């Protein structure tokens, strides 16, 4: 088994002191990201919901791992959002993306979440603001969209996204709704 096939062993502690297992922590991240990127849990029963997206949790990807991620997207014909839980900052995971846009696969590492004021779905913004951003429709297909011009203009939307993620991670019981998006690398 190579590093890309191991699941994350990072554990998260809830506000009440409960220590979650690595698997429960992974499930919460998948569910929180699903809610942030695709919409409210009530929408998750809609036909074709998330059918074009695969969410994965695992260890940090190196260059070969990023190639592997692009291969997973190509083999499955689904875009892939890959999360690495960072022990020092569990509410701010590292996010990699292999987005299928048309006939191309766009692979990005260290994407950031942004959530515009009043919006119900977050965007994924690659580390380089020059590469645009992605918003996902409920089926999970990525839609290229404009990105913030720089980190300074992105901070309010990033703050909003990660505060919401923290709330989703701490308040939602693991498995409260489990879309067919769950995968462990």
N, C-alpha and C. Protein backbone atom coordinates (compact mmCIF):
# COMPACT_ATOMS: atom_id res chain seq x y z
N UNK A 1 0.85 -1.18 0.00
CA UNK A 1 0.00 0.00 0.00
C UNK A 1 0.90 1.24 0.00
N UNK A 2 0.70 2.15 -0.98
CA UNK A 2 1.50 3.36 -0.98
C UNK A 2 0.83 4.45 -0.15
N UNK A 3 1.51 5.59 0.00
CA UNK A 3 0.99 6.67 0.84
C UNK A 3 -0.37 7.16 0.37
N UNK A 4 -0.64 7.11 -0.93
CA UNK A 4 -1.91 7.60 -1.44
C UNK A 4 -3.07 6.66 -1.14
N UNK A 5 -2.79 5.46 -0.69
CA UNK A 5 -3.84 4.50 -0.38
C UNK A 5 -4.17 4.44 1.11
N UNK A 6 -3.44 5.18 1.91
CA UNK A 6 -3.69 5.19 3.35
C UNK A 6 -4.73 6.25 3.68
N UNK A 7 -5.57 5.96 4.65
CA UNK A 7 -6.53 6.97 5.09
C UNK A 7 -5.88 7.83 6.16
N UNK A 8 -6.46 8.98 6.36
CA UNK A 8 -5.92 9.91 7.35
C UNK A 8 -6.11 9.34 8.76
N UNK A 9 -5.17 9.59 9.61
CA UNK A 9 -5.27 9.14 11.00
C UNK A 9 -5.47 10.31 11.95
N UNK A 10 -5.71 11.50 11.39
CA UNK A 10 -5.91 12.68 12.21
C UNK A 10 -7.24 12.56 12.92
N UNK A 11 -7.22 12.86 14.21
CA UNK A 11 -8.44 12.81 14.99
C UNK A 11 -8.84 14.23 15.36
N UNK A 12 -10.11 14.47 15.45
CA UNK A 12 -10.63 15.79 15.79
C UNK A 12 -11.30 15.71 17.16
N UNK A 13 -11.11 16.77 17.95
CA UNK A 13 -11.77 16.85 19.25
C UNK A 13 -12.90 17.87 19.15
N UNK A 14 -14.11 17.47 19.57
CA UNK A 14 -15.26 18.36 19.55
C UNK A 14 -15.20 19.32 20.72
N UNK A 15 -16.04 20.35 20.66
CA UNK A 15 -16.08 21.36 21.72
C UNK A 15 -16.41 20.76 23.09
N UNK A 16 -17.19 19.67 23.11
CA UNK A 16 -17.54 19.04 24.38
C UNK A 16 -16.45 18.10 24.90
N UNK A 17 -15.32 18.04 24.16
CA UNK A 17 -14.20 17.21 24.58
C UNK A 17 -14.15 15.83 23.95
N UNK A 18 -15.20 15.45 23.23
CA UNK A 18 -15.24 14.14 22.59
C UNK A 18 -14.15 14.03 21.53
N UNK A 19 -13.35 12.98 21.60
CA UNK A 19 -12.32 12.73 20.59
C UNK A 19 -12.88 11.77 19.56
N UNK A 20 -12.92 12.22 18.31
CA UNK A 20 -13.44 11.39 17.22
C UNK A 20 -12.32 10.52 16.65
N UNK A 21 -12.69 9.37 16.14
CA UNK A 21 -11.70 8.51 15.48
C UNK A 21 -11.31 9.14 14.15
N UNK A 22 -10.26 8.64 13.54
CA UNK A 22 -9.84 9.12 12.23
C UNK A 22 -10.93 8.95 11.19
N UNK A 23 -11.64 7.82 11.24
CA UNK A 23 -12.70 7.57 10.29
C UNK A 23 -13.87 8.54 10.48
N UNK A 24 -14.25 8.80 11.74
CA UNK A 24 -15.33 9.74 12.01
C UNK A 24 -14.93 11.14 11.58
N UNK A 25 -13.67 11.50 11.81
CA UNK A 25 -13.17 12.81 11.40
C UNK A 25 -13.24 12.93 9.88
N UNK A 26 -12.82 11.90 9.16
CA UNK A 26 -12.88 11.91 7.70
C UNK A 26 -14.32 12.06 7.22
N UNK A 27 -15.23 11.31 7.81
CA UNK A 27 -16.64 11.39 7.42
C UNK A 27 -17.18 12.80 7.63
N UNK A 28 -16.85 13.41 8.74
CA UNK A 28 -17.33 14.77 8.99
C UNK A 28 -16.81 15.76 7.95
N UNK A 29 -15.55 15.60 7.55
CA UNK A 29 -15.00 16.49 6.54
C UNK A 29 -15.69 16.29 5.20
N UNK A 30 -15.97 15.05 4.83
CA UNK A 30 -16.68 14.79 3.57
C UNK A 30 -18.07 15.41 3.63
N UNK A 31 -18.77 15.22 4.72
CA UNK A 31 -20.12 15.75 4.84
C UNK A 31 -20.11 17.28 4.87
N UNK A 32 -19.17 17.88 5.59
CA UNK A 32 -19.09 19.34 5.65
C UNK A 32 -18.77 19.93 4.28
N UNK A 33 -17.81 19.33 3.58
CA UNK A 33 -17.47 19.82 2.25
C UNK A 33 -18.61 19.63 1.27
N UNK A 34 -19.31 18.51 1.37
CA UNK A 34 -20.46 18.28 0.52
C UNK A 34 -21.49 19.37 0.71
N UNK A 35 -21.75 19.71 1.95
CA UNK A 35 -22.72 20.77 2.26
C UNK A 35 -22.22 22.12 1.75
N UNK A 36 -20.94 22.42 1.98
CA UNK A 36 -20.39 23.70 1.55
C UNK A 36 -20.35 23.84 0.03
N UNK A 37 -19.95 22.80 -0.67
CA UNK A 37 -19.77 22.90 -2.12
C UNK A 37 -21.04 22.64 -2.92
N UNK A 38 -21.92 21.75 -2.43
CA UNK A 38 -23.05 21.31 -3.23
C UNK A 38 -24.41 21.79 -2.73
N UNK A 39 -24.51 22.22 -1.50
CA UNK A 39 -25.78 22.73 -1.02
C UNK A 39 -26.23 22.09 0.27
N UNK A 40 -27.44 22.42 0.64
CA UNK A 40 -28.02 21.98 1.91
C UNK A 40 -28.26 20.48 1.94
N UNK A 41 -28.21 19.88 3.12
CA UNK A 41 -28.47 18.44 3.23
C UNK A 41 -29.79 18.00 2.62
N UNK A 42 -30.82 18.85 2.67
CA UNK A 42 -32.12 18.49 2.10
C UNK A 42 -32.00 18.25 0.59
N UNK A 43 -31.07 18.93 -0.07
CA UNK A 43 -30.88 18.76 -1.51
C UNK A 43 -30.20 17.44 -1.85
N UNK A 44 -29.62 16.78 -0.87
CA UNK A 44 -28.81 15.59 -1.13
C UNK A 44 -29.62 14.38 -1.56
N UNK A 45 -30.94 14.46 -1.46
CA UNK A 45 -31.77 13.35 -1.94
C UNK A 45 -32.23 13.58 -3.38
N UNK A 46 -31.87 14.72 -3.97
CA UNK A 46 -32.27 15.02 -5.35
C UNK A 46 -31.63 14.04 -6.32
N UNK A 47 -32.32 13.74 -7.42
CA UNK A 47 -31.74 12.84 -8.43
C UNK A 47 -30.42 13.40 -8.94
N UNK A 48 -29.46 12.53 -9.17
CA UNK A 48 -28.14 12.86 -9.70
C UNK A 48 -27.31 13.75 -8.77
N UNK A 49 -27.76 13.98 -7.54
CA UNK A 49 -26.99 14.82 -6.63
C UNK A 49 -25.60 14.23 -6.42
N UNK A 50 -24.58 15.02 -6.67
CA UNK A 50 -23.21 14.60 -6.45
C UNK A 50 -22.69 13.52 -7.38
N UNK A 51 -23.44 13.20 -8.44
CA UNK A 51 -23.05 12.09 -9.31
C UNK A 51 -21.78 12.37 -10.10
N UNK A 52 -21.36 13.63 -10.20
CA UNK A 52 -20.18 13.98 -10.97
C UNK A 52 -19.00 14.40 -10.10
N UNK A 53 -19.06 14.07 -8.81
CA UNK A 53 -18.01 14.49 -7.88
C UNK A 53 -17.66 13.36 -6.93
N UNK A 54 -16.38 13.22 -6.66
CA UNK A 54 -15.88 12.26 -5.70
C UNK A 54 -15.12 13.03 -4.64
N UNK A 55 -15.48 12.85 -3.38
CA UNK A 55 -14.79 13.49 -2.26
C UNK A 55 -13.93 12.44 -1.57
N UNK A 56 -12.66 12.78 -1.33
CA UNK A 56 -11.73 11.83 -0.72
C UNK A 56 -10.99 12.51 0.42
N UNK A 57 -10.58 11.72 1.39
CA UNK A 57 -9.78 12.20 2.52
C UNK A 57 -8.55 11.32 2.61
N UNK A 58 -7.40 11.93 2.79
CA UNK A 58 -6.18 11.14 2.89
C UNK A 58 -4.98 12.00 3.24
N UNK A 59 -3.79 11.41 3.20
CA UNK A 59 -2.56 12.14 3.55
C UNK A 59 -2.20 13.16 2.47
N UNK A 60 -1.33 14.08 2.83
CA UNK A 60 -0.88 15.12 1.90
C UNK A 60 -0.33 14.49 0.62
N UNK A 61 -0.68 15.07 -0.51
CA UNK A 61 -0.23 14.56 -1.81
C UNK A 61 1.04 15.28 -2.26
N UNK A 62 2.00 14.51 -2.75
CA UNK A 62 3.18 15.11 -3.37
C UNK A 62 2.90 15.22 -4.88
N UNK A 63 3.92 15.52 -5.66
CA UNK A 63 3.74 15.67 -7.11
C UNK A 63 3.19 14.40 -7.74
N UNK A 64 3.73 13.25 -7.36
CA UNK A 64 3.22 11.99 -7.89
C UNK A 64 1.77 11.75 -7.45
N UNK A 65 1.47 12.16 -6.24
CA UNK A 65 0.10 12.03 -5.74
C UNK A 65 -0.88 12.89 -6.52
N UNK A 66 -0.43 14.06 -6.95
CA UNK A 66 -1.29 14.92 -7.76
C UNK A 66 -1.56 14.28 -9.12
N UNK A 67 -0.55 13.62 -9.68
CA UNK A 67 -0.76 12.89 -10.94
C UNK A 67 -1.75 11.75 -10.73
N UNK A 68 -1.59 11.05 -9.61
CA UNK A 68 -2.51 9.98 -9.24
C UNK A 68 -3.94 10.51 -9.14
N UNK A 69 -4.10 11.69 -8.53
CA UNK A 69 -5.42 12.30 -8.35
C UNK A 69 -6.05 12.60 -9.71
N UNK A 70 -5.27 13.16 -10.63
CA UNK A 70 -5.77 13.41 -11.98
C UNK A 70 -6.17 12.12 -12.66
N UNK A 71 -5.40 11.05 -12.42
CA UNK A 71 -5.74 9.74 -12.99
C UNK A 71 -7.04 9.20 -12.43
N UNK A 72 -7.27 9.39 -11.14
CA UNK A 72 -8.53 8.94 -10.51
C UNK A 72 -9.70 9.66 -11.16
N UNK A 73 -9.56 10.98 -11.37
CA UNK A 73 -10.63 11.76 -12.01
C UNK A 73 -10.89 11.23 -13.42
N UNK A 74 -9.82 11.00 -14.17
CA UNK A 74 -9.97 10.51 -15.54
C UNK A 74 -10.59 9.13 -15.61
N UNK A 75 -10.15 8.23 -14.75
CA UNK A 75 -10.67 6.86 -14.75
C UNK A 75 -12.15 6.81 -14.39
N UNK A 76 -12.55 7.68 -13.46
CA UNK A 76 -13.94 7.67 -12.98
C UNK A 76 -14.84 8.66 -13.70
N UNK A 77 -14.24 9.51 -14.54
CA UNK A 77 -14.98 10.56 -15.24
C UNK A 77 -15.79 11.41 -14.26
N UNK A 78 -15.16 11.68 -13.12
CA UNK A 78 -15.76 12.51 -12.07
C UNK A 78 -14.67 13.41 -11.53
N UNK A 79 -15.02 14.65 -11.26
CA UNK A 79 -14.06 15.53 -10.61
C UNK A 79 -13.81 15.01 -9.20
N UNK A 80 -12.62 15.31 -8.65
CA UNK A 80 -12.25 14.81 -7.33
C UNK A 80 -11.82 15.98 -6.45
N UNK A 81 -12.40 16.06 -5.27
CA UNK A 81 -11.95 16.99 -4.24
C UNK A 81 -11.29 16.11 -3.18
N UNK A 82 -10.02 16.37 -2.92
CA UNK A 82 -9.21 15.54 -2.02
C UNK A 82 -8.80 16.39 -0.82
N UNK A 83 -9.14 15.95 0.37
CA UNK A 83 -8.91 16.70 1.60
C UNK A 83 -7.85 16.05 2.46
N UNK A 84 -6.93 16.86 2.94
CA UNK A 84 -5.96 16.42 3.93
C UNK A 84 -6.20 17.22 5.20
N UNK A 85 -6.52 16.54 6.28
CA UNK A 85 -6.76 17.21 7.55
C UNK A 85 -5.40 17.55 8.16
N UNK A 86 -5.23 18.81 8.52
CA UNK A 86 -3.98 19.30 9.09
C UNK A 86 -4.11 19.30 10.61
N UNK A 87 -3.26 18.54 11.32
CA UNK A 87 -3.41 18.45 12.78
C UNK A 87 -3.37 19.79 13.50
N UNK A 88 -2.52 20.71 13.06
CA UNK A 88 -2.40 22.00 13.75
C UNK A 88 -3.60 22.91 13.51
N UNK A 89 -4.27 22.75 12.38
CA UNK A 89 -5.42 23.59 12.03
C UNK A 89 -6.53 22.72 11.44
N UNK A 90 -7.21 21.92 12.26
CA UNK A 90 -8.16 20.95 11.73
C UNK A 90 -9.33 21.55 10.97
N UNK A 91 -9.73 22.79 11.26
CA UNK A 91 -10.86 23.40 10.54
C UNK A 91 -10.44 23.98 9.19
N UNK A 92 -9.14 24.01 8.90
CA UNK A 92 -8.63 24.56 7.64
C UNK A 92 -7.80 23.47 6.95
N UNK A 93 -8.48 22.53 6.29
CA UNK A 93 -7.76 21.43 5.65
C UNK A 93 -7.06 21.87 4.37
N UNK A 94 -6.08 21.07 3.95
CA UNK A 94 -5.51 21.25 2.62
C UNK A 94 -6.46 20.58 1.65
N UNK A 95 -6.78 21.28 0.56
CA UNK A 95 -7.73 20.74 -0.41
C UNK A 95 -7.06 20.72 -1.78
N UNK A 96 -7.07 19.55 -2.41
CA UNK A 96 -6.60 19.40 -3.79
C UNK A 96 -7.82 19.14 -4.65
N UNK A 97 -7.71 19.51 -5.92
CA UNK A 97 -8.84 19.36 -6.83
C UNK A 97 -8.37 18.86 -8.18
N UNK A 98 -9.04 17.86 -8.69
CA UNK A 98 -8.87 17.42 -10.07
C UNK A 98 -10.23 17.64 -10.71
N UNK A 99 -10.38 18.76 -11.43
CA UNK A 99 -11.67 19.15 -11.99
C UNK A 99 -11.74 18.76 -13.46
N UNK A 100 -12.79 18.06 -13.82
CA UNK A 100 -13.03 17.74 -15.22
C UNK A 100 -13.87 18.87 -15.80
N UNK A 101 -13.25 19.61 -16.71
CA UNK A 101 -13.93 20.73 -17.37
C UNK A 101 -13.83 20.48 -18.87
N UNK A 102 -14.95 20.17 -19.47
CA UNK A 102 -14.94 19.80 -20.89
C UNK A 102 -14.18 18.50 -21.05
N UNK A 103 -13.17 18.51 -21.91
CA UNK A 103 -12.37 17.30 -22.13
C UNK A 103 -11.03 17.38 -21.42
N UNK A 104 -10.86 18.36 -20.53
CA UNK A 104 -9.59 18.53 -19.82
C UNK A 104 -9.76 18.26 -18.33
N UNK A 105 -8.64 17.88 -17.71
CA UNK A 105 -8.61 17.71 -16.26
C UNK A 105 -7.67 18.77 -15.70
N UNK A 106 -8.21 19.65 -14.87
CA UNK A 106 -7.44 20.70 -14.22
C UNK A 106 -7.09 20.20 -12.82
N UNK A 107 -5.80 20.15 -12.51
CA UNK A 107 -5.36 19.64 -11.20
C UNK A 107 -4.74 20.79 -10.42
N UNK A 108 -5.23 21.00 -9.19
CA UNK A 108 -4.76 22.09 -8.34
C UNK A 108 -4.50 21.57 -6.93
N UNK A 109 -3.48 22.09 -6.31
CA UNK A 109 -3.15 21.75 -4.93
C UNK A 109 -3.34 22.97 -4.06
N UNK A 110 -3.64 22.76 -2.80
CA UNK A 110 -3.81 23.82 -1.81
C UNK A 110 -4.87 24.85 -2.23
N UNK A 111 -6.04 24.35 -2.53
CA UNK A 111 -7.17 25.22 -2.86
C UNK A 111 -7.76 25.79 -1.57
N UNK A 112 -8.38 26.94 -1.69
CA UNK A 112 -9.02 27.59 -0.55
C UNK A 112 -10.52 27.66 -0.78
N UNK A 113 -11.27 27.63 0.28
CA UNK A 113 -12.71 27.79 0.20
C UNK A 113 -13.05 29.27 0.37
N UNK A 114 -13.99 29.75 -0.43
CA UNK A 114 -14.53 31.09 -0.24
C UNK A 114 -16.05 30.98 -0.26
N UNK A 115 -16.70 31.80 0.52
CA UNK A 115 -18.16 31.81 0.59
C UNK A 115 -18.61 33.26 0.58
N UNK A 116 -19.20 33.68 -0.54
CA UNK A 116 -19.67 35.06 -0.66
C UNK A 116 -20.82 35.31 0.30
N UNK A 117 -20.93 36.52 0.75
CA UNK A 117 -22.01 36.89 1.67
C UNK A 117 -23.35 36.60 1.00
N UNK A 118 -24.21 35.89 1.70
CA UNK A 118 -25.53 35.54 1.20
C UNK A 118 -25.56 34.32 0.30
N UNK A 119 -24.41 33.76 -0.02
CA UNK A 119 -24.36 32.58 -0.89
C UNK A 119 -24.60 31.32 -0.08
N UNK A 120 -25.15 30.30 -0.74
CA UNK A 120 -25.39 29.03 -0.07
C UNK A 120 -24.32 28.00 -0.38
N UNK A 121 -23.52 28.24 -1.42
CA UNK A 121 -22.47 27.29 -1.80
C UNK A 121 -21.13 28.00 -1.92
N UNK A 122 -20.11 27.33 -1.42
CA UNK A 122 -18.75 27.87 -1.46
C UNK A 122 -18.10 27.61 -2.82
N UNK A 123 -17.03 28.32 -3.09
CA UNK A 123 -16.20 28.09 -4.27
C UNK A 123 -14.86 27.55 -3.80
N UNK A 124 -14.18 26.82 -4.70
CA UNK A 124 -12.80 26.40 -4.46
C UNK A 124 -11.91 27.29 -5.31
N UNK A 125 -10.93 27.91 -4.67
CA UNK A 125 -10.02 28.82 -5.36
C UNK A 125 -8.61 28.24 -5.26
N UNK A 126 -7.98 27.93 -6.41
CA UNK A 126 -6.60 27.45 -6.37
C UNK A 126 -5.67 28.49 -5.75
N UNK A 127 -4.56 28.02 -5.21
CA UNK A 127 -3.60 28.87 -4.51
C UNK A 127 -3.19 30.07 -5.36
N UNK A 128 -3.02 29.87 -6.65
CA UNK A 128 -2.71 30.96 -7.55
C UNK A 128 -4.03 31.58 -8.00
N UNK A 129 -4.27 32.79 -7.61
CA UNK A 129 -5.54 33.45 -7.95
C UNK A 129 -5.68 33.66 -9.46
N UNK A 130 -4.60 33.46 -10.21
CA UNK A 130 -4.62 33.64 -11.66
C UNK A 130 -5.37 32.52 -12.37
N UNK A 131 -5.62 31.42 -11.70
CA UNK A 131 -6.21 30.25 -12.34
C UNK A 131 -7.72 30.18 -12.21
N UNK A 132 -8.35 31.24 -11.74
CA UNK A 132 -9.80 31.24 -11.60
C UNK A 132 -10.25 30.49 -10.36
N UNK A 133 -11.52 30.13 -10.34
CA UNK A 133 -12.10 29.41 -9.21
C UNK A 133 -13.13 28.44 -9.76
N UNK A 134 -13.66 27.60 -8.88
CA UNK A 134 -14.66 26.61 -9.29
C UNK A 134 -15.84 26.66 -8.33
N UNK A 135 -17.01 26.69 -8.91
CA UNK A 135 -18.25 26.55 -8.16
C UNK A 135 -18.88 25.26 -8.67
N UNK A 136 -19.48 24.50 -7.80
CA UNK A 136 -20.04 23.20 -8.17
C UNK A 136 -21.56 23.28 -8.22
N UNK A 137 -22.14 22.72 -9.28
CA UNK A 137 -23.58 22.62 -9.35
C UNK A 137 -23.98 21.39 -8.54
N UNK A 138 -25.26 21.24 -8.17
CA UNK A 138 -25.66 20.12 -7.31
C UNK A 138 -25.26 18.73 -7.81
N UNK A 139 -25.09 18.54 -9.11
CA UNK A 139 -24.65 17.23 -9.60
C UNK A 139 -23.18 17.00 -9.29
N UNK A 140 -22.46 18.07 -8.92
CA UNK A 140 -21.05 17.96 -8.60
C UNK A 140 -20.14 18.40 -9.72
N UNK A 141 -20.70 18.79 -10.86
CA UNK A 141 -19.87 19.26 -11.97
C UNK A 141 -19.28 20.62 -11.63
N UNK A 142 -17.97 20.79 -11.83
CA UNK A 142 -17.35 22.08 -11.53
C UNK A 142 -17.64 23.09 -12.65
N UNK A 143 -17.93 24.30 -12.25
CA UNK A 143 -18.17 25.38 -13.18
C UNK A 143 -17.09 26.44 -12.95
N UNK A 144 -16.19 26.65 -13.92
CA UNK A 144 -15.18 27.69 -13.75
C UNK A 144 -15.87 29.04 -13.54
N UNK A 145 -15.33 29.82 -12.62
CA UNK A 145 -15.90 31.12 -12.30
C UNK A 145 -14.75 32.06 -11.93
N UNK A 146 -15.06 33.32 -11.81
CA UNK A 146 -14.04 34.31 -11.46
C UNK A 146 -13.56 34.09 -10.03
N UNK A 147 -12.30 34.32 -9.82
CA UNK A 147 -11.69 34.20 -8.49
C UNK A 147 -11.48 35.60 -7.92
N UNK A 148 -11.32 35.69 -6.61
CA UNK A 148 -10.93 36.98 -6.04
C UNK A 148 -9.61 37.41 -6.68
N UNK A 149 -9.37 38.69 -6.72
CA UNK A 149 -8.16 39.18 -7.39
C UNK A 149 -6.89 38.88 -6.61
N UNK A 150 -6.98 38.81 -5.28
CA UNK A 150 -5.81 38.51 -4.47
C UNK A 150 -6.26 38.09 -3.07
N UNK A 151 -5.29 37.74 -2.25
CA UNK A 151 -5.58 37.25 -0.90
C UNK A 151 -6.34 38.29 -0.07
N UNK A 152 -5.98 39.55 -0.20
CA UNK A 152 -6.62 40.60 0.59
C UNK A 152 -8.11 40.66 0.32
N UNK A 153 -8.50 40.60 -0.94
CA UNK A 153 -9.93 40.66 -1.26
C UNK A 153 -10.64 39.35 -0.92
N UNK A 154 -9.90 38.25 -0.81
CA UNK A 154 -10.50 36.95 -0.52
C UNK A 154 -10.73 36.70 0.96
N UNK A 155 -10.04 37.43 1.83
CA UNK A 155 -10.09 37.14 3.27
C UNK A 155 -11.50 37.13 3.85
N UNK A 156 -12.38 38.11 3.58
CA UNK A 156 -13.73 38.03 4.18
C UNK A 156 -14.50 36.78 3.74
N UNK A 157 -14.40 36.43 2.44
CA UNK A 157 -15.11 35.25 1.94
C UNK A 157 -14.48 33.96 2.46
N UNK A 158 -13.16 33.94 2.61
CA UNK A 158 -12.49 32.77 3.18
C UNK A 158 -12.88 32.60 4.64
N UNK A 159 -12.89 33.68 5.37
CA UNK A 159 -13.27 33.62 6.78
C UNK A 159 -14.67 33.06 6.93
N UNK A 160 -15.59 33.56 6.11
CA UNK A 160 -16.98 33.09 6.15
C UNK A 160 -17.04 31.58 5.86
N UNK A 161 -16.29 31.12 4.88
CA UNK A 161 -16.30 29.70 4.50
C UNK A 161 -15.75 28.82 5.61
N UNK A 162 -14.62 29.20 6.20
CA UNK A 162 -14.00 28.35 7.21
C UNK A 162 -14.73 28.40 8.55
N UNK A 163 -15.39 29.52 8.85
CA UNK A 163 -16.23 29.57 10.05
C UNK A 163 -17.41 28.63 9.87
N UNK A 164 -18.01 28.65 8.68
CA UNK A 164 -19.13 27.74 8.42
C UNK A 164 -18.67 26.29 8.46
N UNK A 165 -17.48 26.03 7.90
CA UNK A 165 -16.96 24.66 7.94
C UNK A 165 -16.78 24.20 9.39
N UNK A 166 -16.22 25.05 10.23
CA UNK A 166 -16.04 24.71 11.64
C UNK A 166 -17.35 24.38 12.32
N UNK A 167 -18.38 25.15 12.01
CA UNK A 167 -19.70 24.88 12.58
C UNK A 167 -20.25 23.54 12.10
N UNK A 168 -20.09 23.27 10.81
CA UNK A 168 -20.57 21.99 10.26
C UNK A 168 -19.81 20.81 10.86
N UNK A 169 -18.52 20.97 11.04
CA UNK A 169 -17.71 19.88 11.61
C UNK A 169 -18.08 19.59 13.05
N UNK A 170 -18.36 20.62 13.82
CA UNK A 170 -18.60 20.41 15.25
C UNK A 170 -20.04 20.11 15.60
N UNK A 171 -20.99 20.55 14.81
CA UNK A 171 -22.39 20.39 15.17
C UNK A 171 -23.07 19.19 14.53
N UNK A 172 -22.65 18.79 13.37
CA UNK A 172 -23.34 17.73 12.65
C UNK A 172 -22.83 16.37 13.11
N UNK A 173 -23.70 15.52 13.64
CA UNK A 173 -23.23 14.19 14.02
C UNK A 173 -22.76 13.42 12.78
N UNK A 174 -21.68 12.70 12.93
CA UNK A 174 -21.14 11.92 11.81
C UNK A 174 -22.20 10.97 11.30
N UNK A 175 -22.38 10.94 10.00
CA UNK A 175 -23.36 10.05 9.39
C UNK A 175 -24.78 10.56 9.42
N UNK A 176 -24.99 11.84 9.83
CA UNK A 176 -26.35 12.38 9.87
C UNK A 176 -26.99 12.34 8.50
N UNK A 177 -26.22 12.57 7.49
CA UNK A 177 -26.63 12.35 6.11
C UNK A 177 -25.36 11.95 5.40
N UNK A 178 -25.45 10.94 4.64
CA UNK A 178 -24.23 10.40 4.01
C UNK A 178 -24.43 10.27 2.51
N UNK A 179 -24.09 11.32 1.77
CA UNK A 179 -24.23 11.22 0.31
C UNK A 179 -23.30 10.15 -0.24
N UNK A 180 -23.57 9.72 -1.44
CA UNK A 180 -22.73 8.71 -2.09
C UNK A 180 -21.45 9.34 -2.63
N UNK A 181 -20.85 10.21 -1.86
CA UNK A 181 -19.64 10.89 -2.26
C UNK A 181 -18.47 10.43 -1.43
N UNK A 182 -18.75 9.64 -0.41
CA UNK A 182 -17.71 9.28 0.54
C UNK A 182 -16.73 8.27 -0.03
N UNK A 183 -15.47 8.61 0.13
CA UNK A 183 -14.41 7.69 -0.28
C UNK A 183 -13.21 7.97 0.59
N UNK A 184 -12.47 6.98 0.91
CA UNK A 184 -11.21 7.17 1.63
C UNK A 184 -10.10 6.73 0.70
N UNK A 185 -9.10 7.57 0.59
CA UNK A 185 -7.99 7.25 -0.32
C UNK A 185 -7.19 6.09 0.21
